[in-house]
């Protein structure tokens, strides 16, 4: 599985993905300051799942119907940031959740999935 990690996402999560053997492209390293639609387009072209903390990607894929391989949105309240890595690790280890073709919202206490529109 390949990921494109948005620049608003912590470097620790990039390191976690890489330590788990995933192919990771980090926006901060290669396309800093890119607009959301450019990021989403690149993720799609390169068959990458987008990992982000930016809710605007939901509008791009659901309202504007932009194509995506998969999106993982991390939604944590202030004070819960320390839980991000643990929750991401749990998501990656959960064989019942498919990331491809889905919009996955990861919160401190739950994970929600919604199919992407084809």
C-alpha atoms as a PDB file:
ATOM      1  CA  UNK A   1       0.000   0.000   0.000  1.00  0.00           C
ATOM      2  CA  UNK A   2       1.216   3.488  -0.850  1.00  0.00           C
ATOM      3  CA  UNK A   3       0.409   6.721   0.973  1.00  0.00           C
ATOM      4  CA  UNK A   4       0.574  10.415   0.248  1.00  0.00           C
ATOM      5  CA  UNK A   5       0.673  12.293   3.545  1.00  0.00           C
ATOM      6  CA  UNK A   6      -0.628  15.867   3.594  1.00  0.00           C
ATOM      7  CA  UNK A   7       1.609  18.599   5.008  1.00  0.00           C
ATOM      8  CA  UNK A   8      -0.791  19.302   7.888  1.00  0.00           C
ATOM      9  CA  UNK A   9      -0.062  15.823   9.235  1.00  0.00           C
ATOM     10  CA  UNK A  10       2.662  15.169  11.808  1.00  0.00           C
ATOM     11  CA  UNK A  11       6.054  13.877  10.653  1.00  0.00           C
ATOM     12  CA  UNK A  12       5.785  11.187  13.359  1.00  0.00           C
ATOM     13  CA  UNK A  13       2.967   9.574  11.383  1.00  0.00           C
ATOM     14  CA  UNK A  14       5.083   9.603   8.223  1.00  0.00           C
ATOM     15  CA  UNK A  15       7.862   7.894  10.178  1.00  0.00           C
ATOM     16  CA  UNK A  16       5.388   5.353  11.581  1.00  0.00           C
ATOM     17  CA  UNK A  17       4.167   4.444   8.092  1.00  0.00           C
ATOM     18  CA  UNK A  18       7.707   4.155   6.755  1.00  0.00           C
ATOM     19  CA  UNK A  19       8.780   2.038   9.742  1.00  0.00           C
ATOM     20  CA  UNK A  20       5.910  -0.317   8.885  1.00  0.00           C
ATOM     21  CA  UNK A  21       7.280  -0.725   5.355  1.00  0.00           C
ATOM     22  CA  UNK A  22       4.831   1.512   3.476  1.00  0.00           C
ATOM     23  CA  UNK A  23       5.813   3.609   0.472  1.00  0.00           C
ATOM     24  CA  UNK A  24       5.184   7.174   1.699  1.00  0.00           C
ATOM     25  CA  UNK A  25       5.302  10.459  -0.157  1.00  0.00           C
ATOM     26  CA  UNK A  26       5.186  13.424   2.254  1.00  0.00           C
ATOM     27  CA  UNK A  27       3.900  16.728   0.890  1.00  0.00           C
ATOM     28  CA  UNK A  28       6.299  18.678   3.152  1.00  0.00           C
ATOM     29  CA  UNK A  29       9.243  16.965   1.454  1.00  0.00           C
ATOM     30  CA  UNK A  30       8.232  17.072  -2.190  1.00  0.00           C
ATOM     31  CA  UNK A  31       5.371  19.477  -2.904  1.00  0.00           C
ATOM     32  CA  UNK A  32       5.203  21.904  -0.007  1.00  0.00           C
ATOM     33  CA  UNK A  33       2.393  24.445  -0.293  1.00  0.00           C
ATOM     34  CA  UNK A  34       0.505  22.532  -2.993  1.00  0.00           C
ATOM     35  CA  UNK A  35      -3.232  23.107  -3.229  1.00  0.00           C
ATOM     36  CA  UNK A  36      -5.588  20.374  -2.048  1.00  0.00           C
ATOM     37  CA  UNK A  37      -6.819  19.479  -5.538  1.00  0.00           C
ATOM     38  CA  UNK A  38      -3.211  19.070  -6.744  1.00  0.00           C
ATOM     39  CA  UNK A  39      -2.431  16.819  -3.787  1.00  0.00           C
ATOM     40  CA  UNK A  40      -5.551  14.715  -4.351  1.00  0.00           C
ATOM     41  CA  UNK A  41      -4.817  14.432  -8.069  1.00  0.00           C
ATOM     42  CA  UNK A  42      -1.262  13.239  -7.451  1.00  0.00           C
ATOM     43  CA  UNK A  43      -2.424  10.685  -4.901  1.00  0.00           C
ATOM     44  CA  UNK A  44      -4.915   9.362  -7.438  1.00  0.00           C
ATOM     45  CA  UNK A  45      -2.417   9.236 -10.330  1.00  0.00           C
ATOM     46  CA  UNK A  46       0.102   7.354  -8.196  1.00  0.00           C
ATOM     47  CA  UNK A  47      -2.431   4.962  -6.585  1.00  0.00           C
ATOM     48  CA  UNK A  48      -1.802   6.392  -3.128  1.00  0.00           C
ATOM     49  CA  UNK A  49      -4.103   6.638  -0.150  1.00  0.00           C
ATOM     50  CA  UNK A  50      -4.215  10.194   1.141  1.00  0.00           C
ATOM     51  CA  UNK A  51      -3.592  10.669   4.863  1.00  0.00           C
ATOM     52  CA  UNK A  52      -4.699  14.087   6.080  1.00  0.00           C
ATOM     53  CA  UNK A  53      -6.135  16.161   8.900  1.00  0.00           C
ATOM     54  CA  UNK A  54      -7.842  18.541   6.456  1.00  0.00           C
ATOM     55  CA  UNK A  55     -11.637  18.145   6.201  1.00  0.00           C
ATOM     56  CA  UNK A  56     -11.675  19.963   2.844  1.00  0.00           C
ATOM     57  CA  UNK A  57     -10.816  16.716   1.050  1.00  0.00           C
ATOM     58  CA  UNK A  58     -14.295  15.435   1.903  1.00  0.00           C
ATOM     59  CA  UNK A  59     -15.793  18.279  -0.100  1.00  0.00           C
ATOM     60  CA  UNK A  60     -13.478  17.544  -3.019  1.00  0.00           C
ATOM     61  CA  UNK A  61     -14.426  13.879  -3.262  1.00  0.00           C
ATOM     62  CA  UNK A  62     -18.099  13.982  -2.291  1.00  0.00           C
ATOM     63  CA  UNK A  63     -19.436  17.351  -3.456  1.00  0.00           C
ATOM     64  CA  UNK A  64     -17.081  17.994  -6.371  1.00  0.00           C
ATOM     65  CA  UNK A  65     -16.698  14.274  -7.202  1.00  0.00           C
ATOM     66  CA  UNK A  66     -12.913  14.359  -7.611  1.00  0.00           C
ATOM     67  CA  UNK A  67     -11.464  10.845  -7.951  1.00  0.00           C
ATOM     68  CA  UNK A  68      -9.465   9.309  -5.111  1.00  0.00           C
ATOM     69  CA  UNK A  69      -7.949   5.924  -4.303  1.00  0.00           C
ATOM     70  CA  UNK A  70      -8.747   6.308  -0.613  1.00  0.00           C
ATOM     71  CA  UNK A  71      -8.643   8.981   2.074  1.00  0.00           C
ATOM     72  CA  UNK A  72      -7.879   8.655   5.771  1.00  0.00           C
ATOM     73  CA  UNK A  73      -8.928  11.736   7.733  1.00  0.00           C
ATOM     74  CA  UNK A  74      -7.541  12.089  11.248  1.00  0.00           C
ATOM     75  CA  UNK A  75      -9.926  14.058  13.519  1.00  0.00           C
ATOM     76  CA  UNK A  76      -8.615  14.635  16.998  1.00  0.00           C
ATOM     77  CA  UNK A  77      -9.575  17.304  19.514  1.00  0.00           C
ATOM     78  CA  UNK A  78      -6.923  19.420  21.232  1.00  0.00           C
ATOM     79  CA  UNK A  79      -5.316  17.326  23.936  1.00  0.00           C
ATOM     80  CA  UNK A  80      -5.846  14.066  22.025  1.00  0.00           C
ATOM     81  CA  UNK A  81      -2.913  14.505  19.612  1.00  0.00           C
ATOM     82  CA  UNK A  82      -0.839  11.908  21.450  1.00  0.00           C
ATOM     83  CA  UNK A  83      -3.364   9.261  20.371  1.00  0.00           C
ATOM     84  CA  UNK A  84      -2.884   9.761  16.622  1.00  0.00           C
ATOM     85  CA  UNK A  85      -0.021   7.305  16.147  1.00  0.00           C
ATOM     86  CA  UNK A  86      -1.674   4.593  18.217  1.00  0.00           C
ATOM     87  CA  UNK A  87      -4.998   4.981  16.378  1.00  0.00           C
ATOM     88  CA  UNK A  88      -3.281   4.962  12.981  1.00  0.00           C
ATOM     89  CA  UNK A  89      -1.414   1.798  13.951  1.00  0.00           C
ATOM     90  CA  UNK A  90      -4.715   0.194  15.003  1.00  0.00           C
ATOM     91  CA  UNK A  91      -6.268   1.151  11.683  1.00  0.00           C
ATOM     92  CA  UNK A  92      -3.393  -0.388   9.723  1.00  0.00           C
ATOM     93  CA  UNK A  93      -3.669  -3.614  11.715  1.00  0.00           C
ATOM     94  CA  UNK A  94      -7.456  -3.878  11.364  1.00  0.00           C
ATOM     95  CA  UNK A  95      -8.068  -6.336   8.541  1.00  0.00           C
ATOM     96  CA  UNK A  96     -11.813  -5.606   8.464  1.00  0.00           C
ATOM     97  CA  UNK A  97     -11.358  -2.008   7.279  1.00  0.00           C
ATOM     98  CA  UNK A  98     -10.506  -1.466   3.632  1.00  0.00           C
ATOM     99  CA  UNK A  99      -8.753   1.811   2.869  1.00  0.00           C
ATOM    100  CA  UNK A 100      -8.938   1.562  -0.905  1.00  0.00           C
ATOM    101  CA  UNK A 101     -12.186   3.008  -2.229  1.00  0.00           C
ATOM    102  CA  UNK A 102     -13.120   4.470   1.148  1.00  0.00           C
ATOM    103  CA  UNK A 103     -13.170   7.719   3.073  1.00  0.00           C
ATOM    104  CA  UNK A 104     -12.068   6.695   6.561  1.00  0.00           C
ATOM    105  CA  UNK A 105     -12.420   9.031   9.535  1.00  0.00           C
ATOM    106  CA  UNK A 106     -10.227   8.133  12.503  1.00  0.00           C
ATOM    107  CA  UNK A 107     -11.099   9.671  15.837  1.00  0.00           C
ATOM    108  CA  UNK A 108      -9.896   9.001  19.351  1.00  0.00           C
ATOM    109  CA  UNK A 109     -12.867   6.777  20.175  1.00  0.00           C
ATOM    110  CA  UNK A 110     -14.116   5.484  16.811  1.00  0.00           C
ATOM    111  CA  UNK A 111     -13.378   4.809  13.160  1.00  0.00           C
ATOM    112  CA  UNK A 112     -16.002   5.515  10.507  1.00  0.00           C
ATOM    113  CA  UNK A 113     -15.893   4.508   6.853  1.00  0.00           C
ATOM    114  CA  UNK A 114     -17.853   5.680   3.858  1.00  0.00           C
ATOM    115  CA  UNK A 115     -17.458   4.399   0.297  1.00  0.00           C
ATOM    116  CA  UNK A 116     -16.010   6.856  -2.190  1.00  0.00           C
ATOM    117  CA  UNK A 117     -18.171   7.776  -5.160  1.00  0.00           C
ATOM    118  CA  UNK A 118     -16.882   6.154  -8.339  1.00  0.00           C
END
